[in-house]
N, C-alpha and C. Protein backbone atom coordinates (compact mmCIF):
# COMPACT_ATOMS: atom_id res chain seq x y z
N UNK A 1 90.28 -12.17 233.00
CA UNK A 1 91.34 -12.03 232.03
C UNK A 1 92.48 -12.96 232.40
N UNK A 2 92.89 -13.78 231.50
CA UNK A 2 93.96 -14.74 231.74
C UNK A 2 95.30 -14.14 231.30
N UNK A 3 96.18 -13.92 232.25
CA UNK A 3 97.47 -13.29 231.93
C UNK A 3 98.60 -14.26 232.21
N UNK A 4 99.32 -14.65 231.16
CA UNK A 4 100.49 -15.50 231.35
C UNK A 4 101.61 -14.64 231.90
N UNK A 5 102.30 -15.15 232.89
CA UNK A 5 103.41 -14.43 233.52
C UNK A 5 103.00 -13.04 234.01
N UNK A 6 101.71 -12.86 234.25
CA UNK A 6 101.22 -11.59 234.78
C UNK A 6 101.10 -10.48 233.78
N UNK A 7 101.24 -10.74 232.45
CA UNK A 7 101.12 -9.67 231.47
C UNK A 7 100.42 -10.15 230.20
N UNK A 8 99.81 -9.19 229.50
CA UNK A 8 99.09 -9.50 228.27
C UNK A 8 99.01 -8.24 227.42
N UNK A 9 99.15 -8.41 226.09
CA UNK A 9 98.97 -7.30 225.15
C UNK A 9 97.49 -7.21 224.79
N UNK A 10 96.92 -6.02 224.91
CA UNK A 10 95.53 -5.78 224.54
C UNK A 10 95.49 -4.61 223.57
N UNK A 11 94.75 -4.77 222.48
CA UNK A 11 94.61 -3.70 221.48
C UNK A 11 93.53 -2.73 221.98
N UNK A 12 93.92 -1.45 222.12
CA UNK A 12 93.02 -0.42 222.63
C UNK A 12 92.58 0.51 221.50
N UNK A 13 91.27 0.69 221.35
CA UNK A 13 90.73 1.59 220.33
C UNK A 13 90.72 3.01 220.88
N UNK A 14 91.34 3.93 220.13
CA UNK A 14 91.38 5.34 220.54
C UNK A 14 90.88 6.21 219.38
N UNK A 15 90.81 7.50 219.61
CA UNK A 15 90.44 8.43 218.54
C UNK A 15 91.51 8.53 217.47
N UNK A 16 92.69 7.96 217.72
CA UNK A 16 93.81 8.01 216.79
C UNK A 16 94.14 6.64 216.22
N UNK A 17 93.24 5.71 216.33
CA UNK A 17 93.47 4.37 215.82
C UNK A 17 93.62 3.36 216.95
N UNK A 18 94.07 2.18 216.62
CA UNK A 18 94.26 1.11 217.59
C UNK A 18 95.72 1.05 218.01
N UNK A 19 95.95 0.84 219.30
CA UNK A 19 97.30 0.75 219.84
C UNK A 19 97.40 -0.48 220.73
N UNK A 20 98.50 -1.22 220.56
CA UNK A 20 98.77 -2.35 221.45
C UNK A 20 99.29 -1.80 222.78
N UNK A 21 98.67 -2.25 223.85
CA UNK A 21 99.09 -1.84 225.20
C UNK A 21 99.42 -3.09 226.01
N UNK A 22 100.46 -3.00 226.81
CA UNK A 22 100.89 -4.09 227.66
C UNK A 22 100.28 -3.92 229.04
N UNK A 23 99.45 -4.87 229.44
CA UNK A 23 98.81 -4.87 230.75
C UNK A 23 99.57 -5.83 231.64
N UNK A 24 100.09 -5.34 232.75
CA UNK A 24 100.83 -6.17 233.69
C UNK A 24 100.10 -6.20 235.02
N UNK A 25 99.86 -7.39 235.52
CA UNK A 25 99.19 -7.55 236.81
C UNK A 25 100.14 -7.15 237.93
N UNK A 26 99.63 -6.38 238.88
CA UNK A 26 100.43 -5.94 240.03
C UNK A 26 100.27 -6.89 241.20
N UNK A 27 100.71 -8.12 241.02
CA UNK A 27 100.61 -9.11 242.10
C UNK A 27 101.82 -8.98 243.01
N UNK A 28 101.72 -9.16 244.30
CA UNK A 28 100.55 -9.66 245.03
C UNK A 28 99.53 -8.57 245.32
N UNK A 29 99.83 -7.33 244.99
CA UNK A 29 98.85 -6.26 245.16
C UNK A 29 97.80 -6.40 244.06
N UNK A 30 96.82 -5.56 244.07
CA UNK A 30 95.81 -5.63 243.02
C UNK A 30 96.04 -4.53 241.98
N UNK A 31 95.36 -4.67 240.87
CA UNK A 31 95.44 -3.66 239.83
C UNK A 31 96.39 -4.02 238.70
N UNK A 32 96.52 -3.08 237.77
CA UNK A 32 97.31 -3.30 236.56
C UNK A 32 98.14 -2.06 236.24
N UNK A 33 99.31 -2.29 235.70
CA UNK A 33 100.14 -1.23 235.15
C UNK A 33 100.10 -1.40 233.64
N UNK A 34 99.90 -0.31 232.90
CA UNK A 34 99.75 -0.37 231.46
C UNK A 34 100.78 0.53 230.79
N UNK A 35 101.44 -0.01 229.76
CA UNK A 35 102.35 0.77 228.93
C UNK A 35 101.95 0.59 227.47
N UNK A 36 102.34 1.54 226.64
CA UNK A 36 102.13 1.44 225.19
C UNK A 36 103.51 1.35 224.55
N UNK A 37 103.98 0.15 224.23
CA UNK A 37 105.34 -0.03 223.76
C UNK A 37 105.76 0.85 222.58
N UNK A 38 104.84 1.20 221.70
CA UNK A 38 105.20 2.02 220.53
C UNK A 38 105.13 3.51 220.81
N UNK A 39 104.69 3.88 222.02
CA UNK A 39 104.61 5.29 222.40
C UNK A 39 105.46 5.50 223.64
N UNK A 40 106.67 5.96 223.44
CA UNK A 40 107.61 6.14 224.53
C UNK A 40 107.05 7.06 225.62
N UNK A 41 107.08 6.58 226.85
CA UNK A 41 106.65 7.38 227.99
C UNK A 41 105.21 7.21 228.41
N UNK A 42 104.44 6.43 227.68
CA UNK A 42 103.03 6.22 228.07
C UNK A 42 102.97 5.11 229.12
N UNK A 43 102.62 5.51 230.34
CA UNK A 43 102.46 4.58 231.45
C UNK A 43 101.26 5.04 232.27
N UNK A 44 100.40 4.11 232.64
CA UNK A 44 99.26 4.42 233.48
C UNK A 44 98.90 3.18 234.29
N UNK A 45 97.83 3.26 235.07
CA UNK A 45 97.43 2.11 235.88
C UNK A 45 95.93 2.15 236.12
N UNK A 46 95.41 1.04 236.63
CA UNK A 46 94.00 0.94 236.97
C UNK A 46 93.78 -0.19 237.95
N UNK A 47 92.79 -0.04 238.82
CA UNK A 47 92.50 -1.06 239.83
C UNK A 47 91.81 -2.28 239.23
N UNK A 48 90.96 -2.07 238.22
CA UNK A 48 90.25 -3.17 237.57
C UNK A 48 90.63 -3.17 236.10
N UNK A 49 90.33 -4.26 235.40
CA UNK A 49 90.66 -4.31 233.97
C UNK A 49 89.86 -3.26 233.20
N UNK A 50 88.61 -3.03 233.60
CA UNK A 50 87.77 -2.02 232.93
C UNK A 50 88.39 -0.63 233.11
N UNK A 51 88.77 -0.31 234.34
CA UNK A 51 89.40 0.99 234.61
C UNK A 51 90.75 1.09 233.89
N UNK A 52 91.51 0.01 233.87
CA UNK A 52 92.82 0.01 233.22
C UNK A 52 92.69 0.28 231.72
N UNK A 53 91.69 -0.31 231.07
CA UNK A 53 91.47 -0.07 229.65
C UNK A 53 91.10 1.39 229.39
N UNK A 54 90.25 1.95 230.23
CA UNK A 54 89.86 3.36 230.08
C UNK A 54 91.06 4.28 230.29
N UNK A 55 91.89 3.97 231.27
CA UNK A 55 93.08 4.77 231.55
C UNK A 55 94.08 4.67 230.39
N UNK A 56 94.22 3.47 229.81
CA UNK A 56 95.12 3.28 228.68
C UNK A 56 94.66 4.12 227.49
N UNK A 57 93.36 4.10 227.21
CA UNK A 57 92.80 4.89 226.11
C UNK A 57 93.10 6.37 226.32
N UNK A 58 92.84 6.86 227.52
CA UNK A 58 93.08 8.27 227.83
C UNK A 58 94.56 8.64 227.71
N UNK A 59 95.44 7.79 228.22
CA UNK A 59 96.88 8.07 228.18
C UNK A 59 97.39 8.11 226.74
N UNK A 60 96.96 7.16 225.91
CA UNK A 60 97.39 7.14 224.51
C UNK A 60 96.88 8.37 223.77
N UNK A 61 95.62 8.72 223.98
CA UNK A 61 95.05 9.89 223.30
C UNK A 61 95.75 11.18 223.72
N UNK A 62 96.02 11.33 225.00
CA UNK A 62 96.72 12.53 225.45
C UNK A 62 98.13 12.61 224.88
N UNK A 63 98.81 11.47 224.81
CA UNK A 63 100.16 11.43 224.24
C UNK A 63 100.13 11.84 222.75
N UNK A 64 99.18 11.28 222.00
CA UNK A 64 99.05 11.62 220.58
C UNK A 64 98.71 13.10 220.39
N UNK A 65 97.82 13.63 221.22
CA UNK A 65 97.47 15.06 221.14
C UNK A 65 98.69 15.93 221.38
N UNK A 66 99.51 15.56 222.36
CA UNK A 66 100.73 16.33 222.65
C UNK A 66 101.70 16.27 221.48
N UNK A 67 101.87 15.09 220.88
CA UNK A 67 102.74 14.97 219.71
C UNK A 67 102.25 15.86 218.57
N UNK A 68 100.95 15.88 218.36
CA UNK A 68 100.38 16.72 217.30
C UNK A 68 100.58 18.20 217.61
N UNK A 69 100.31 18.60 218.84
CA UNK A 69 100.47 20.00 219.25
C UNK A 69 101.90 20.49 219.10
N UNK A 70 102.86 19.62 219.37
CA UNK A 70 104.28 19.98 219.30
C UNK A 70 104.85 19.83 217.88
N UNK A 71 104.03 19.39 216.95
CA UNK A 71 104.49 19.20 215.58
C UNK A 71 105.37 17.97 215.41
N UNK A 72 105.31 17.04 216.34
CA UNK A 72 106.14 15.84 216.28
C UNK A 72 105.42 14.67 215.62
N UNK A 73 104.18 14.88 215.24
CA UNK A 73 103.39 13.85 214.55
C UNK A 73 102.43 14.56 213.61
N UNK A 74 101.91 13.81 212.68
CA UNK A 74 100.90 14.36 211.78
C UNK A 74 99.71 13.42 211.75
N UNK A 75 98.57 13.97 211.44
CA UNK A 75 97.33 13.20 211.42
C UNK A 75 97.07 12.76 209.99
N UNK A 76 96.85 11.49 209.79
CA UNK A 76 96.51 10.95 208.48
C UNK A 76 95.21 10.18 208.60
N UNK A 77 94.49 10.13 207.51
CA UNK A 77 93.24 9.39 207.51
C UNK A 77 93.40 8.13 206.67
N UNK A 78 93.10 7.00 207.28
CA UNK A 78 93.20 5.72 206.61
C UNK A 78 91.80 5.19 206.35
N UNK A 79 91.54 4.76 205.13
CA UNK A 79 90.23 4.20 204.81
C UNK A 79 90.27 2.69 204.99
N UNK A 80 89.27 2.20 205.66
CA UNK A 80 89.07 0.77 205.80
C UNK A 80 87.78 0.45 205.05
N UNK A 81 87.46 -0.82 204.88
CA UNK A 81 86.23 -1.14 204.14
C UNK A 81 84.97 -0.49 204.72
N UNK A 82 84.95 -0.24 206.03
CA UNK A 82 83.73 0.29 206.65
C UNK A 82 83.76 1.80 206.89
N UNK A 83 84.94 2.37 207.22
CA UNK A 83 84.99 3.81 207.51
C UNK A 83 86.44 4.30 207.52
N UNK A 84 86.58 5.60 207.60
CA UNK A 84 87.92 6.20 207.65
C UNK A 84 88.32 6.38 209.10
N UNK A 85 89.59 6.21 209.39
CA UNK A 85 90.13 6.36 210.73
C UNK A 85 91.20 7.44 210.72
N UNK A 86 91.20 8.29 211.74
CA UNK A 86 92.28 9.26 211.91
C UNK A 86 93.38 8.57 212.71
N UNK A 87 94.60 8.67 212.21
CA UNK A 87 95.72 8.02 212.88
C UNK A 87 96.87 9.02 212.99
N UNK A 88 97.49 9.11 214.16
CA UNK A 88 98.63 9.99 214.35
C UNK A 88 99.90 9.22 214.03
N UNK A 89 100.74 9.79 213.18
CA UNK A 89 102.02 9.18 212.81
C UNK A 89 103.15 10.10 213.23
N UNK A 90 104.17 9.53 213.84
CA UNK A 90 105.36 10.31 214.22
C UNK A 90 106.08 10.74 212.96
N UNK A 91 106.67 11.92 213.01
CA UNK A 91 107.42 12.42 211.86
C UNK A 91 108.82 11.93 211.88
């Protein structure tokens, strides 16, 4: 993965739609720190890019589930040419 200035935005597919996540390389140490800029408070990490992507997916999904449980978001279904997607929207 080629990261300019040690960071890159990667679109992560979740059960609630796609979310842009910021992957930052932890140099000189190894691993990555991941945040979801549109979801306040979502921060996770991973030792490899594969692990980091999985951790980002899990963190975003847990955040969306909490928003839904607390009544701070609602679930909407968006149709695309191929299928419908469930997406959590903040109220």
